[in-house]
């Protein structure tokens, strides 16, 4: 996995190219496979581990580092080299934090995160389309860059919520009914 990521970062994605020239290589599954393999590895090695202060602390530090430490460069600079390694490590730590923090399901944050987890695939599938279609409307509002990002995130989550509850969830229930007797 690390070798595949290295090949893409060294030979296909370069700071010498503009973002648009590298996008097709950046989103290529082989370029992202290292994150998938890290996730599988963490699961198999840490699934039996109870919430420990070390994992929670590591995750909290990663979350703080992701928010506070600056990453320099334009989009191509962020998706290559040391910036990409730094952001990838932060994301792995953040996943550890939310996975092992054991926030009670009845707690407001636990309930919110549980619902967000349920619609996460819908967010993944629909966020790009939602952003592309919604951006012109949000830009007319004259929002700051961060206002635009926040607004589009809220709209993407809303569209994913509707898609999950009115399309994905009913289709999963139908699929279970149709395959129950087989």
Protein backbone atom coordinates (compact mmCIF):
# COMPACT_ATOMS: atom_id res chain seq x y z
CA UNK A 1 0.00 0.00 0.00
CA UNK A 2 2.80 2.38 0.90
CA UNK A 3 4.56 1.46 -2.35
CA UNK A 4 1.45 2.21 -4.41
CA UNK A 5 1.05 5.59 -2.69
CA UNK A 6 4.74 6.33 -3.22
CA UNK A 7 4.55 5.46 -6.93
CA UNK A 8 1.60 7.79 -7.42
CA UNK A 9 3.21 10.58 -5.39
CA UNK A 10 6.58 10.31 -7.11
CA UNK A 11 5.66 9.53 -10.73
CA UNK A 12 2.10 10.69 -11.32
CA UNK A 13 1.34 13.50 -8.90
CA UNK A 14 3.88 16.28 -8.74
CA UNK A 15 4.10 19.78 -7.34
CA UNK A 16 5.19 20.74 -10.86
CA UNK A 17 1.69 20.06 -12.21
CA UNK A 18 -1.42 22.05 -11.55
CA UNK A 19 -4.18 20.51 -9.49
CA UNK A 20 -6.41 19.71 -12.49
CA UNK A 21 -3.64 17.74 -14.23
CA UNK A 22 -3.13 15.52 -11.17
CA UNK A 23 -6.74 15.02 -10.07
CA UNK A 24 -7.30 11.83 -12.08
CA UNK A 25 -4.27 10.25 -10.42
CA UNK A 26 -5.09 11.56 -6.95
CA UNK A 27 -8.57 10.00 -6.91
CA UNK A 28 -7.32 6.73 -8.42
CA UNK A 29 -8.13 3.86 -6.03
CA UNK A 30 -4.52 2.63 -6.01
CA UNK A 31 -3.44 6.05 -4.77
CA UNK A 32 -5.91 5.84 -1.87
CA UNK A 33 -5.45 2.14 -1.07
CA UNK A 34 -2.93 2.85 1.69
CA UNK A 35 -5.66 4.55 3.76
CA UNK A 36 -7.93 1.54 3.26
CA UNK A 37 -5.19 -0.89 4.29
CA UNK A 38 -4.29 1.21 7.33
CA UNK A 39 -7.96 1.13 8.35
CA UNK A 40 -8.16 -2.65 7.99
CA UNK A 41 -4.90 -3.05 9.92
CA UNK A 42 -6.06 -0.81 12.75
CA UNK A 43 -9.31 -2.70 13.00
CA UNK A 44 -7.70 -6.13 13.21
CA UNK A 45 -5.02 -5.04 15.67
CA UNK A 46 -7.14 -2.79 17.86
CA UNK A 47 -10.68 -4.19 17.70
CA UNK A 48 -10.24 -6.08 20.97
CA UNK A 49 -8.52 -3.13 22.64
CA UNK A 50 -10.76 -1.25 24.99
CA UNK A 51 -10.76 2.51 25.03
CA UNK A 52 -7.38 3.41 26.41
CA UNK A 53 -6.16 6.80 27.48
CA UNK A 54 -3.22 6.42 25.06
CA UNK A 55 -5.39 5.92 21.95
CA UNK A 56 -7.80 8.65 23.04
CA UNK A 57 -4.93 11.05 23.74
CA UNK A 58 -3.26 10.25 20.42
CA UNK A 59 -6.52 10.87 18.62
CA UNK A 60 -7.18 14.13 20.46
CA UNK A 61 -3.66 15.37 19.64
CA UNK A 62 -4.22 14.43 15.98
CA UNK A 63 -7.50 16.34 15.92
CA UNK A 64 -5.89 19.42 17.46
CA UNK A 65 -2.91 19.19 15.07
CA UNK A 66 -5.25 18.86 12.08
CA UNK A 67 -7.12 21.99 13.10
CA UNK A 68 -4.30 24.19 14.36
CA UNK A 69 -1.08 23.36 12.55
CA UNK A 70 -0.75 25.13 9.24
CA UNK A 71 -0.34 23.32 5.96
CA UNK A 72 1.12 25.49 3.27
CA UNK A 73 0.53 25.53 -0.44
CA UNK A 74 -2.25 25.37 -2.93
CA UNK A 75 -4.32 22.24 -3.57
CA UNK A 76 -1.51 20.43 -5.38
CA UNK A 77 0.82 21.17 -2.46
CA UNK A 78 -1.67 19.77 0.01
CA UNK A 79 -2.25 16.49 -1.85
CA UNK A 80 1.44 15.64 -2.34
CA UNK A 81 4.62 15.16 -0.37
CA UNK A 82 5.01 15.84 3.33
CA UNK A 83 1.71 17.73 3.56
CA UNK A 84 -0.13 14.62 2.39
CA UNK A 85 1.76 12.41 4.83
CA UNK A 86 1.05 14.84 7.69
CA UNK A 87 -2.66 15.10 6.88
CA UNK A 88 -2.96 11.32 6.41
CA UNK A 89 -1.41 10.69 9.83
CA UNK A 90 -3.74 13.25 11.41
CA UNK A 91 -6.74 11.54 9.81
CA UNK A 92 -5.66 8.12 11.08
CA UNK A 93 -5.30 9.58 14.59
CA UNK A 94 -8.71 11.26 14.37
CA UNK A 95 -10.31 7.97 13.31
CA UNK A 96 -8.66 6.28 16.31
CA UNK A 97 -10.02 8.99 18.59
CA UNK A 98 -13.62 8.71 17.45
CA UNK A 99 -13.44 4.92 17.27
CA UNK A 100 -11.96 4.34 20.71
CA UNK A 101 -13.29 7.34 22.64
CA UNK A 102 -16.45 5.36 23.45
CA UNK A 103 -18.87 8.26 23.53
CA UNK A 104 -22.14 6.88 24.96
CA UNK A 105 -24.85 6.43 22.34
CA UNK A 106 -27.38 8.25 24.54
CA UNK A 107 -25.11 11.28 24.75
CA UNK A 108 -25.96 14.06 22.29
CA UNK A 109 -22.52 13.88 20.65
CA UNK A 110 -22.70 10.08 20.50
CA UNK A 111 -26.12 10.21 18.88
CA UNK A 112 -24.99 12.84 16.37
CA UNK A 113 -21.87 10.86 15.46
CA UNK A 114 -23.90 7.65 15.14
CA UNK A 115 -26.31 9.34 12.70
CA UNK A 116 -23.41 10.88 10.80
CA UNK A 117 -21.83 7.42 10.55
CA UNK A 118 -25.07 5.98 9.17
CA UNK A 119 -25.19 8.54 6.36
CA UNK A 120 -21.44 8.64 5.70
CA UNK A 121 -21.64 6.58 2.51
CA UNK A 122 -24.36 8.87 1.18
CA UNK A 123 -22.16 11.86 2.03
CA UNK A 124 -19.27 10.24 0.18
CA UNK A 125 -21.39 9.55 -2.90
CA UNK A 126 -23.24 12.86 -3.08
CA UNK A 127 -20.93 15.55 -1.71
CA UNK A 128 -19.20 16.33 -4.99
CA UNK A 129 -22.46 16.59 -6.93
CA UNK A 130 -24.04 18.70 -4.19
CA UNK A 131 -21.07 21.05 -4.07
CA UNK A 132 -20.87 21.45 -7.84
CA UNK A 133 -24.59 22.15 -8.20
CA UNK A 134 -24.87 24.31 -5.07
CA UNK A 135 -21.71 26.39 -5.35
CA UNK A 136 -23.13 29.02 -7.75
CA UNK A 137 -26.03 29.72 -5.39
CA UNK A 138 -23.81 30.00 -2.33
CA UNK A 139 -21.32 32.23 -4.15
CA UNK A 140 -24.13 34.70 -4.91
CA UNK A 141 -24.64 35.12 -1.16
CA UNK A 142 -21.23 36.77 -0.88
CA UNK A 143 -20.03 34.48 1.91
CA UNK A 144 -16.41 34.28 2.95
CA UNK A 145 -14.43 31.24 1.87
CA UNK A 146 -15.05 29.57 5.24
CA UNK A 147 -18.74 30.49 5.14
CA UNK A 148 -18.97 28.89 1.72
CA UNK A 149 -17.26 25.72 2.95
CA UNK A 150 -19.46 25.53 6.05
CA UNK A 151 -22.63 26.17 4.06
CA UNK A 152 -21.79 23.56 1.45
CA UNK A 153 -20.93 21.04 4.18
CA UNK A 154 -24.33 21.57 5.81
CA UNK A 155 -26.12 21.22 2.45
CA UNK A 156 -24.12 18.07 1.59
CA UNK A 157 -25.00 16.50 4.94
CA UNK A 158 -28.66 17.46 4.47
CA UNK A 159 -28.83 15.97 0.98
CA UNK A 160 -27.09 12.81 2.22
CA UNK A 161 -29.54 12.56 5.13
CA UNK A 162 -32.51 12.77 2.74
CA UNK A 163 -30.93 10.30 0.34
CA UNK A 164 -30.19 7.84 3.14
CA UNK A 165 -33.68 7.96 4.62
CA UNK A 166 -35.70 8.04 1.40
CA UNK A 167 -33.54 5.95 -0.97
CA UNK A 168 -30.71 3.99 0.66
CA UNK A 169 -32.49 2.73 3.79
CA UNK A 170 -35.71 1.64 1.99
CA UNK A 171 -33.63 -0.13 -0.67
CA UNK A 172 -31.64 -1.99 2.01
CA UNK A 173 -34.90 -3.08 3.70
CA UNK A 174 -36.33 -4.22 0.36
CA UNK A 175 -33.13 -6.14 -0.40
CA UNK A 176 -33.31 -7.93 2.95
CA UNK A 177 -36.96 -8.87 2.36
CA UNK A 178 -36.23 -10.16 -1.15
CA UNK A 179 -33.24 -12.25 -0.04
CA UNK A 180 -34.59 -13.44 3.31
CA UNK A 181 -35.90 -16.76 1.97
CA UNK A 182 -32.87 -17.61 -0.13
